[in-house]
């Protein structure tokens, strides 16, 4: 099977070590470039986040029923789960 893929060529130990060293050099170069790009993206994200305004939290839309502790709409006057009348605050 290997002869079909390589065209019947025979490789010496020196050829194989040359292929291996070339492969290892390519992997190391890839890792170095990936690390550099990662650092660049982290720096760009940090710079862009410096000018961003912080969002204020949205007003609550639900509240807890003091009787059954289920979440209900903030405008509700009666709990839909336990049907208790809710005190006005």
N, C-alpha and C. Protein backbone atom coordinates (compact mmCIF):
# COMPACT_ATOMS: atom_id res chain seq x y z
N UNK A 1 0.82 -1.19 0.00
CA UNK A 1 0.00 0.00 0.00
C UNK A 1 0.87 1.26 0.00
N UNK A 2 1.92 1.24 0.81
CA UNK A 2 2.80 2.40 0.88
C UNK A 2 3.53 2.64 -0.44
N UNK A 3 3.83 1.56 -1.16
CA UNK A 3 4.51 1.70 -2.45
C UNK A 3 3.62 2.40 -3.46
N UNK A 4 2.32 2.19 -3.37
CA UNK A 4 1.40 2.84 -4.29
C UNK A 4 1.38 4.34 -4.02
N UNK A 5 1.36 4.71 -2.74
CA UNK A 5 1.31 6.12 -2.37
C UNK A 5 2.61 6.86 -2.70
N UNK A 6 3.73 6.20 -2.51
CA UNK A 6 5.02 6.87 -2.71
C UNK A 6 5.58 6.66 -4.11
N UNK A 7 4.92 5.88 -4.92
CA UNK A 7 5.42 5.62 -6.28
C UNK A 7 6.57 4.65 -6.29
N UNK A 8 6.68 3.83 -5.26
CA UNK A 8 7.74 2.82 -5.21
C UNK A 8 9.08 3.37 -4.80
N UNK A 9 9.14 4.60 -4.33
CA UNK A 9 10.42 5.20 -3.92
C UNK A 9 10.85 4.63 -2.58
N UNK A 10 12.14 4.53 -2.41
CA UNK A 10 12.68 4.08 -1.12
C UNK A 10 13.34 5.28 -0.46
N UNK A 11 13.12 5.38 0.82
CA UNK A 11 13.65 6.51 1.58
C UNK A 11 14.70 6.02 2.55
N UNK A 12 15.78 6.78 2.67
CA UNK A 12 16.83 6.44 3.61
C UNK A 12 16.48 7.05 4.97
N UNK A 13 17.24 6.68 5.95
CA UNK A 13 17.02 7.21 7.29
C UNK A 13 17.26 8.71 7.32
N UNK A 14 18.18 9.19 6.50
CA UNK A 14 18.46 10.62 6.41
C UNK A 14 17.27 11.37 5.81
N UNK A 15 16.59 10.79 4.81
CA UNK A 15 15.40 11.40 4.23
C UNK A 15 14.26 11.49 5.25
N UNK A 16 14.08 10.41 5.98
CA UNK A 16 13.01 10.37 6.98
C UNK A 16 13.26 11.39 8.08
N UNK A 17 14.51 11.50 8.53
CA UNK A 17 14.82 12.48 9.57
C UNK A 17 14.64 13.90 9.04
N UNK A 18 14.90 14.11 7.75
CA UNK A 18 14.67 15.42 7.14
C UNK A 18 13.19 15.76 7.11
N UNK A 19 12.34 14.77 6.77
CA UNK A 19 10.89 14.99 6.78
C UNK A 19 10.40 15.29 8.19
N UNK A 20 10.90 14.54 9.17
CA UNK A 20 10.47 14.72 10.56
C UNK A 20 10.89 16.10 11.07
N UNK A 21 12.11 16.51 10.79
CA UNK A 21 12.56 17.82 11.29
C UNK A 21 11.78 18.94 10.61
N UNK A 22 11.44 18.77 9.35
CA UNK A 22 10.64 19.77 8.65
C UNK A 22 9.24 19.85 9.25
N UNK A 23 8.67 18.70 9.57
CA UNK A 23 7.34 18.66 10.18
C UNK A 23 7.36 19.32 11.56
N UNK A 24 8.35 19.01 12.37
CA UNK A 24 8.45 19.59 13.72
C UNK A 24 8.64 21.10 13.63
N UNK A 25 9.44 21.56 12.68
CA UNK A 25 9.65 23.00 12.51
C UNK A 25 8.34 23.68 12.11
N UNK A 26 7.55 23.04 11.26
CA UNK A 26 6.26 23.61 10.86
C UNK A 26 5.30 23.68 12.04
N UNK A 27 5.27 22.67 12.88
CA UNK A 27 4.40 22.67 14.05
C UNK A 27 4.82 23.77 15.02
N UNK A 28 6.10 23.92 15.25
CA UNK A 28 6.59 24.96 16.16
C UNK A 28 6.27 26.34 15.60
N UNK A 29 6.45 26.55 14.30
CA UNK A 29 6.10 27.84 13.69
C UNK A 29 4.62 28.13 13.81
N UNK A 30 3.78 27.11 13.62
CA UNK A 30 2.34 27.29 13.77
C UNK A 30 1.99 27.71 15.20
N UNK A 31 2.57 27.04 16.19
CA UNK A 31 2.28 27.37 17.59
C UNK A 31 2.73 28.79 17.93
N UNK A 32 3.87 29.20 17.43
CA UNK A 32 4.35 30.56 17.68
C UNK A 32 3.41 31.58 17.07
N UNK A 33 2.99 31.36 15.83
CA UNK A 33 2.07 32.29 15.17
C UNK A 33 0.71 32.32 15.86
N UNK A 34 0.23 31.16 16.30
CA UNK A 34 -1.05 31.11 17.01
C UNK A 34 -0.96 31.89 18.32
N UNK A 35 0.14 31.78 19.03
CA UNK A 35 0.32 32.52 20.29
C UNK A 35 0.37 34.03 20.03
N UNK A 36 1.08 34.42 18.98
CA UNK A 36 1.17 35.85 18.65
C UNK A 36 -0.20 36.41 18.29
N UNK A 37 -0.96 35.69 17.46
CA UNK A 37 -2.31 36.15 17.11
C UNK A 37 -3.22 36.20 18.32
N UNK A 38 -3.10 35.22 19.22
CA UNK A 38 -3.90 35.22 20.45
C UNK A 38 -3.60 36.47 21.28
N UNK A 39 -2.32 36.79 21.44
CA UNK A 39 -1.94 37.97 22.23
C UNK A 39 -2.43 39.26 21.57
N UNK A 40 -2.33 39.33 20.24
CA UNK A 40 -2.82 40.51 19.52
C UNK A 40 -4.32 40.68 19.70
N UNK A 41 -5.08 39.61 19.59
CA UNK A 41 -6.53 39.71 19.75
C UNK A 41 -6.91 40.09 21.18
N UNK A 42 -6.18 39.56 22.16
CA UNK A 42 -6.45 39.95 23.55
C UNK A 42 -6.20 41.44 23.74
N UNK A 43 -5.13 41.97 23.16
CA UNK A 43 -4.81 43.39 23.29
C UNK A 43 -5.85 44.25 22.59
N UNK A 44 -6.28 43.85 21.40
CA UNK A 44 -7.29 44.61 20.67
C UNK A 44 -8.61 44.61 21.44
N UNK A 45 -9.00 43.48 21.98
CA UNK A 45 -10.24 43.41 22.76
C UNK A 45 -10.17 44.29 24.00
N UNK A 46 -9.02 44.33 24.64
CA UNK A 46 -8.87 45.17 25.83
C UNK A 46 -8.96 46.65 25.47
N UNK A 47 -8.35 47.04 24.35
CA UNK A 47 -8.38 48.44 23.92
C UNK A 47 -9.80 48.85 23.55
N UNK A 48 -10.52 47.98 22.85
CA UNK A 48 -11.89 48.33 22.45
C UNK A 48 -12.84 48.36 23.64
N UNK A 49 -12.57 47.59 24.68
CA UNK A 49 -13.46 47.59 25.84
C UNK A 49 -13.21 48.79 26.75
N UNK A 50 -12.10 49.49 26.59
CA UNK A 50 -11.84 50.65 27.42
C UNK A 50 -12.82 51.78 27.14
N UNK A 51 -13.23 51.95 25.88
CA UNK A 51 -14.12 53.03 25.52
C UNK A 51 -15.60 52.67 25.66
N UNK A 52 -15.90 51.43 25.96
CA UNK A 52 -17.30 51.01 26.04
C UNK A 52 -17.94 51.48 27.35
N UNK A 53 -19.18 51.93 27.24
CA UNK A 53 -19.91 52.36 28.43
C UNK A 53 -20.52 51.14 29.12
N UNK A 54 -20.55 51.18 30.42
CA UNK A 54 -21.14 50.08 31.17
C UNK A 54 -22.66 50.22 31.15
N UNK A 55 -23.33 49.12 30.89
CA UNK A 55 -24.79 49.12 30.85
C UNK A 55 -25.35 49.06 32.26
N UNK A 56 -26.39 49.83 32.48
CA UNK A 56 -27.05 49.79 33.78
C UNK A 56 -28.00 48.60 33.79
N UNK A 57 -28.17 47.97 34.94
CA UNK A 57 -29.08 46.83 35.00
C UNK A 57 -30.52 47.26 34.72
N UNK A 58 -31.24 46.41 34.04
CA UNK A 58 -32.62 46.71 33.68
C UNK A 58 -33.50 46.63 34.93
N UNK A 59 -34.61 47.37 34.90
CA UNK A 59 -35.55 47.34 36.02
C UNK A 59 -36.15 45.94 36.12
N UNK A 60 -36.41 45.47 37.35
CA UNK A 60 -36.96 44.12 37.49
C UNK A 60 -38.37 44.04 36.91
N UNK A 61 -38.69 42.91 36.33
CA UNK A 61 -40.03 42.70 35.75
C UNK A 61 -40.83 41.68 36.54
N UNK A 62 -40.18 41.04 37.53
CA UNK A 62 -40.88 40.05 38.35
C UNK A 62 -40.59 40.31 39.82
N UNK A 63 -41.44 39.74 40.65
CA UNK A 63 -41.22 39.79 42.09
C UNK A 63 -41.62 38.44 42.67
N UNK A 64 -41.25 38.20 43.92
CA UNK A 64 -41.57 36.94 44.57
C UNK A 64 -42.81 37.10 45.43
N UNK A 65 -43.67 36.11 45.36
CA UNK A 65 -44.86 36.08 46.22
C UNK A 65 -44.39 35.78 47.64
N UNK A 66 -44.78 36.59 48.63
CA UNK A 66 -44.31 36.34 50.00
C UNK A 66 -44.91 35.09 50.61
N UNK A 67 -45.95 34.53 50.02
CA UNK A 67 -46.62 33.37 50.59
C UNK A 67 -46.09 32.05 50.00
N UNK A 68 -46.01 31.97 48.69
CA UNK A 68 -45.57 30.71 48.06
C UNK A 68 -44.18 30.81 47.44
N UNK A 69 -43.57 31.99 47.44
CA UNK A 69 -42.22 32.24 46.94
C UNK A 69 -42.05 31.95 45.45
N UNK A 70 -43.13 32.00 44.67
CA UNK A 70 -43.01 31.83 43.23
C UNK A 70 -42.85 33.20 42.58
N UNK A 71 -42.25 33.22 41.40
CA UNK A 71 -42.04 34.49 40.71
C UNK A 71 -43.31 34.87 39.96
N UNK A 72 -43.71 36.13 40.12
CA UNK A 72 -44.91 36.64 39.46
C UNK A 72 -44.60 37.98 38.83
N UNK A 73 -45.49 38.47 37.99
CA UNK A 73 -45.32 39.75 37.34
C UNK A 73 -45.28 40.87 38.37
N UNK A 74 -44.53 41.91 38.11
CA UNK A 74 -44.36 43.01 39.06
C UNK A 74 -45.65 43.78 39.27
N UNK A 75 -46.55 43.78 38.28
CA UNK A 75 -47.80 44.54 38.38
C UNK A 75 -48.93 43.72 39.01
N UNK A 76 -48.71 42.46 39.31
CA UNK A 76 -49.77 41.60 39.82
C UNK A 76 -50.22 42.03 41.23
N UNK A 77 -51.52 41.95 41.47
CA UNK A 77 -52.07 42.24 42.80
C UNK A 77 -52.48 40.97 43.51
N UNK A 78 -52.52 39.86 42.76
CA UNK A 78 -52.88 38.57 43.32
C UNK A 78 -51.96 37.51 42.69
N UNK A 79 -51.49 36.59 43.49
CA UNK A 79 -50.58 35.55 43.01
C UNK A 79 -51.36 34.53 42.17
N UNK A 80 -50.91 34.23 40.95
CA UNK A 80 -51.62 33.25 40.13
C UNK A 80 -51.42 31.81 40.59
N UNK A 81 -50.44 31.57 41.46
CA UNK A 81 -50.15 30.22 41.91
C UNK A 81 -50.91 29.86 43.19
N UNK A 82 -50.88 30.75 44.18
CA UNK A 82 -51.54 30.45 45.44
C UNK A 82 -52.78 31.31 45.67
N UNK A 83 -53.09 32.22 44.75
CA UNK A 83 -54.25 33.13 44.76
C UNK A 83 -54.29 34.03 46.00
N UNK A 84 -53.19 34.28 46.62
CA UNK A 84 -53.16 35.19 47.77
C UNK A 84 -53.13 36.61 47.28
N UNK A 85 -53.78 37.50 48.04
CA UNK A 85 -53.71 38.93 47.71
C UNK A 85 -52.37 39.45 48.18
N UNK A 86 -51.72 40.19 47.30
CA UNK A 86 -50.39 40.69 47.61
C UNK A 86 -50.49 42.08 48.23
N UNK A 87 -49.73 42.31 49.27
CA UNK A 87 -49.76 43.65 49.89
C UNK A 87 -49.09 44.67 48.98
N UNK A 88 -49.65 45.86 48.93
CA UNK A 88 -49.08 46.94 48.14
C UNK A 88 -47.88 47.52 48.88
N UNK A 89 -46.85 47.83 48.15
CA UNK A 89 -45.65 48.38 48.80
C UNK A 89 -45.53 49.83 48.49
